[in-house]
């Protein structure tokens, strides 16, 4: 589904992605983790050209993402992307958020788009909120609508860029549950997340990034139980040890 070959990305003199080479198979769930500033969000944003690259090659579902003749809108319509901040259109209803792209880009009749959207909203547990506006929903509900909206384009690939980082802790579980269901149904997914429980239980592989490089890649059982790279061992130690400050 995804082939990344020696990808490099700079912000000015800062080398954000350093010779990244990875493959993601169809139906695979890959979690990308690492400290802040490691390049993980930059990497996932290059997959649908939200960020340009300076060298290398990215092929998604057989399409050269940075090829000279690629039709960008058509290319992006085949990739579902779920952002940290939901990015729903606030001035239209939940249902309209989920039908806008299918009618304009997939060419569905409004009635067809509506039926599909209601099915997807039911799938994420929000069919009853179809007529509500995003501002009337909790953060967890908005993120579940964002997932339904992405699925409305019937993408073969879903990308998640820290989808729970903007949520209150009690809302995280409801979003992760939807993501688990997608994985169970065979959706190809690349997820940037700090939710290590999700990575352990759902991912087929976990990648660890730091300073723009993938330092380790492994199946979850190996990744968490027998980390090899010293930087990964330190990272896992830090997240397992709560920071306690004396009063």
Protein backbone atom coordinates (compact mmCIF):
# COMPACT_ATOMS: atom_id res chain seq x y z
CA UNK A 1 0.00 0.00 0.00
CA UNK A 2 2.83 2.43 0.85
CA UNK A 3 6.43 2.39 -0.33
CA UNK A 4 8.79 5.04 1.04
CA UNK A 5 12.25 5.17 -0.51
CA UNK A 6 15.09 7.28 0.94
CA UNK A 7 12.87 10.27 1.74
CA UNK A 8 14.52 13.45 3.01
CA UNK A 9 12.81 16.58 4.23
CA UNK A 10 14.33 19.86 5.42
CA UNK A 11 12.89 22.95 7.07
CA UNK A 12 15.58 25.42 6.11
CA UNK A 13 18.76 23.97 7.55
CA UNK A 14 16.87 21.57 9.86
CA UNK A 15 16.90 17.98 8.57
CA UNK A 16 13.42 16.80 9.62
CA UNK A 17 13.36 13.43 7.81
CA UNK A 18 16.61 11.56 7.18
CA UNK A 19 16.71 8.83 4.51
CA UNK A 20 13.41 7.23 5.53
CA UNK A 21 12.75 3.89 3.84
CA UNK A 22 9.66 1.90 4.86
CA UNK A 23 6.95 -0.33 3.40
CA UNK A 24 3.38 -0.71 4.64
CA UNK A 25 1.42 -3.70 3.38
CA UNK A 26 -2.29 -3.68 2.55
CA UNK A 27 -4.32 -4.35 5.67
CA UNK A 28 -1.40 -3.57 7.97
CA UNK A 29 -1.69 -1.31 11.02
CA UNK A 30 1.53 0.60 11.68
CA UNK A 31 1.96 2.84 14.72
CA UNK A 32 4.65 5.54 14.62
CA UNK A 33 5.83 6.84 17.98
CA UNK A 34 8.68 8.90 19.36
CA UNK A 35 9.44 12.06 21.33
CA UNK A 36 8.15 15.49 20.30
CA UNK A 37 10.06 16.82 17.31
CA UNK A 38 11.14 13.36 16.17
CA UNK A 39 9.61 13.77 12.69
CA UNK A 40 6.69 11.38 13.06
CA UNK A 41 3.94 13.89 12.18
CA UNK A 42 6.06 15.29 9.36
CA UNK A 43 6.43 11.78 7.96
CA UNK A 44 2.73 11.00 7.97
CA UNK A 45 1.94 14.37 6.36
CA UNK A 46 4.29 13.63 3.46
CA UNK A 47 2.23 10.56 2.57
CA UNK A 48 -0.61 12.67 1.14
CA UNK A 49 1.57 15.67 0.21
CA UNK A 50 0.52 17.95 3.04
CA UNK A 51 4.29 18.41 3.39
CA UNK A 52 6.68 18.46 0.42
CA UNK A 53 9.84 16.36 0.34
CA UNK A 54 13.21 17.38 -1.06
CA UNK A 55 14.37 13.94 -2.18
CA UNK A 56 13.23 10.34 -2.33
CA UNK A 57 10.05 8.68 -3.51
CA UNK A 58 6.68 7.82 -1.98
CA UNK A 59 4.26 5.45 -3.74
CA UNK A 60 0.75 5.05 -2.31
CA UNK A 61 -1.53 2.34 -3.70
CA UNK A 62 0.47 2.29 -6.91
CA UNK A 63 0.56 6.08 -7.41
CA UNK A 64 3.81 8.06 -7.25
CA UNK A 65 2.73 10.73 -4.75
CA UNK A 66 5.23 13.29 -6.01
CA UNK A 67 5.13 12.31 -9.66
CA UNK A 68 4.98 15.13 -12.15
CA UNK A 69 1.59 14.16 -13.56
CA UNK A 70 -0.22 13.12 -10.39
CA UNK A 71 -3.68 14.68 -9.98
CA UNK A 72 -3.44 15.89 -6.41
CA UNK A 73 -7.14 16.12 -5.52
CA UNK A 74 -7.86 12.66 -6.90
CA UNK A 75 -4.80 11.29 -5.12
CA UNK A 76 -5.77 12.77 -1.76
CA UNK A 77 -9.37 11.61 -2.10
CA UNK A 78 -8.07 8.05 -1.80
CA UNK A 79 -6.38 8.72 1.54
CA UNK A 80 -8.38 9.34 4.69
CA UNK A 81 -6.62 11.75 7.06
CA UNK A 82 -7.67 12.38 10.66
CA UNK A 83 -6.05 15.41 12.29
CA UNK A 84 -5.33 16.34 15.90
CA UNK A 85 -7.82 19.23 15.85
CA UNK A 86 -10.72 17.48 14.02
CA UNK A 87 -10.89 20.14 11.21
CA UNK A 88 -14.65 19.81 10.81
CA UNK A 89 -16.53 22.58 9.02
CA UNK A 90 -18.21 24.41 11.93
CA UNK A 91 -20.96 26.09 9.89
CA UNK A 92 -22.59 22.92 8.55
CA UNK A 93 -24.13 19.93 10.30
CA UNK A 94 -22.45 16.65 11.12
CA UNK A 95 -24.34 14.97 8.29
CA UNK A 96 -23.33 17.67 5.81
CA UNK A 97 -19.71 17.34 6.90
CA UNK A 98 -19.90 13.69 5.89
CA UNK A 99 -21.74 14.18 2.58
CA UNK A 100 -19.92 17.18 1.12
CA UNK A 101 -16.90 15.38 -0.34
CA UNK A 102 -18.74 12.27 -1.58
CA UNK A 103 -21.21 14.40 -3.58
CA UNK A 104 -18.56 16.75 -4.98
CA UNK A 105 -15.66 14.36 -5.51
CA UNK A 106 -17.20 10.88 -5.76
CA UNK A 107 -20.20 12.12 -7.71
CA UNK A 108 -22.79 10.51 -5.45
CA UNK A 109 -26.38 11.64 -5.54
CA UNK A 110 -27.32 13.54 -2.36
CA UNK A 111 -29.64 10.72 -1.26
CA UNK A 112 -26.88 8.12 -1.74
CA UNK A 113 -24.34 10.24 0.13
CA UNK A 114 -26.84 10.77 2.95
CA UNK A 115 -27.56 7.05 3.32
CA UNK A 116 -23.86 6.20 3.35
CA UNK A 117 -23.08 8.99 5.83
CA UNK A 118 -25.82 7.84 8.22
CA UNK A 119 -24.44 4.30 8.06
CA UNK A 120 -20.96 5.57 8.89
CA UNK A 121 -22.22 7.80 11.69
CA UNK A 122 -24.03 4.81 13.12
CA UNK A 123 -20.77 2.86 12.88
CA UNK A 124 -19.01 5.44 15.07
CA UNK A 125 -22.00 5.68 17.42
CA UNK A 126 -23.22 9.11 16.36
CA UNK A 127 -26.22 8.61 14.07
CA UNK A 128 -28.35 10.51 16.61
CA UNK A 129 -26.10 13.56 16.19
CA UNK A 130 -26.46 13.81 12.41
CA UNK A 131 -28.34 17.13 12.58
CA UNK A 132 -26.09 18.65 15.24
CA UNK A 133 -23.30 21.12 14.51
CA UNK A 134 -19.68 20.38 15.46
CA UNK A 135 -19.70 23.03 18.18
CA UNK A 136 -22.50 21.15 19.95
CA UNK A 137 -20.38 17.99 20.30
CA UNK A 138 -17.67 16.95 22.71
CA UNK A 139 -14.11 16.62 21.46
CA UNK A 140 -14.37 12.84 21.33
CA UNK A 141 -17.59 13.05 19.34
CA UNK A 142 -16.05 15.54 16.91
CA UNK A 143 -13.11 13.23 16.32
CA UNK A 144 -15.43 10.30 15.68
CA UNK A 145 -17.29 12.45 13.13
CA UNK A 146 -13.93 13.28 11.53
CA UNK A 147 -13.25 9.56 11.17
CA UNK A 148 -16.69 8.99 9.62
CA UNK A 149 -16.11 11.90 7.24
CA UNK A 150 -12.79 10.41 6.12
CA UNK A 151 -14.38 6.99 5.63
CA UNK A 152 -17.13 8.52 3.49
CA UNK A 153 -14.64 8.72 0.62
CA UNK A 154 -14.10 4.95 0.85
CA UNK A 155 -10.33 5.30 1.10
CA UNK A 156 -8.11 2.20 0.98
CA UNK A 157 -5.78 3.90 3.47
CA UNK A 158 -6.35 5.85 6.70
CA UNK A 159 -3.77 8.14 8.30
CA UNK A 160 -4.11 9.35 11.90
CA UNK A 161 -1.95 12.21 13.17
CA UNK A 162 -2.15 12.06 16.99
CA UNK A 163 -5.95 11.78 16.89
CA UNK A 164 -6.35 11.73 20.67
CA UNK A 165 -3.80 14.36 21.71
CA UNK A 166 -6.36 17.20 21.82
CA UNK A 167 -8.89 15.21 23.84
CA UNK A 168 -9.63 15.11 27.54
CA UNK A 169 -8.53 11.74 28.99
CA UNK A 170 -12.06 10.42 29.38
CA UNK A 171 -12.73 10.95 25.66
CA UNK A 172 -9.67 9.09 24.40
CA UNK A 173 -11.16 5.63 24.77
CA UNK A 174 -14.18 6.28 22.55
CA UNK A 175 -11.93 7.33 19.64
CA UNK A 176 -9.49 4.45 20.12
CA UNK A 177 -12.43 2.03 20.11
CA UNK A 178 -13.46 3.22 16.63
CA UNK A 179 -9.87 2.87 15.44
CA UNK A 180 -9.68 -0.66 16.85
CA UNK A 181 -12.83 -1.58 14.93
CA UNK A 182 -11.33 -0.23 11.70
CA UNK A 183 -8.19 -2.29 12.24
CA UNK A 184 -10.29 -5.38 12.95
CA UNK A 185 -12.11 -4.83 9.64
CA UNK A 186 -8.80 -4.88 7.72
CA UNK A 187 -8.28 -1.17 7.03
CA UNK A 188 -4.69 -0.19 6.21
CA UNK A 189 -3.73 2.36 8.87
CA UNK A 190 -0.71 4.45 9.77
CA UNK A 191 -1.15 6.06 13.18
CA UNK A 192 1.05 8.62 14.86
CA UNK A 193 0.13 8.29 18.52
CA UNK A 194 1.41 8.30 22.09
CA UNK A 195 -1.22 5.71 23.07
CA UNK A 196 1.08 2.79 23.79
CA UNK A 197 -1.77 0.52 24.88
CA UNK A 198 -3.29 0.91 21.41
CA UNK A 199 0.10 0.22 19.82
CA UNK A 200 0.56 -2.93 21.90
CA UNK A 201 -2.93 -4.31 21.28
CA UNK A 202 -3.73 -3.27 17.72
CA UNK A 203 -0.57 -2.57 15.69
CA UNK A 204 1.05 -5.12 13.43
CA UNK A 205 4.29 -3.16 13.66
CA UNK A 206 5.56 -0.21 15.68
CA UNK A 207 8.14 2.29 14.42
CA UNK A 208 10.18 4.44 16.77
CA UNK A 209 11.52 7.75 15.46
CA UNK A 210 13.96 10.27 16.84
CA UNK A 211 15.76 13.17 15.15
CA UNK A 212 14.15 12.41 11.81
CA UNK A 213 15.22 8.77 11.67
CA UNK A 214 13.47 5.46 12.22
CA UNK A 215 15.67 3.93 14.91
CA UNK A 216 13.68 0.76 15.50
CA UNK A 217 10.84 -1.22 13.95
CA UNK A 218 9.34 -4.36 15.41
CA UNK A 219 6.16 -6.26 16.16
CA UNK A 220 4.62 -5.03 19.42
CA UNK A 221 5.71 -8.01 21.51
CA UNK A 222 9.36 -7.41 20.59
CA UNK A 223 9.09 -3.63 20.60
CA UNK A 224 7.89 -3.37 24.18
CA UNK A 225 9.51 -6.42 25.77
CA UNK A 226 12.92 -6.41 24.08
CA UNK A 227 13.75 -2.94 22.70
CA UNK A 228 17.21 -2.91 21.11
CA UNK A 229 18.09 0.73 20.50
CA UNK A 230 19.24 2.63 23.64
CA UNK A 231 17.11 5.65 22.72
CA UNK A 232 13.99 3.48 22.54
CA UNK A 233 14.80 1.86 25.88
CA UNK A 234 15.06 5.33 27.42
CA UNK A 235 11.81 6.46 25.77
CA UNK A 236 9.88 3.45 27.09
CA UNK A 237 11.41 3.89 30.52
CA UNK A 238 10.35 7.54 30.60
CA UNK A 239 6.74 6.90 29.62
CA UNK A 240 6.41 4.03 32.09
CA UNK A 241 7.73 6.07 35.02
CA UNK A 242 5.29 8.74 36.22
CA UNK A 243 6.98 11.99 37.10
CA UNK A 244 6.30 12.73 40.73
CA UNK A 245 7.18 16.12 42.14
CA UNK A 246 7.29 16.53 45.88
CA UNK A 247 4.85 19.04 47.23
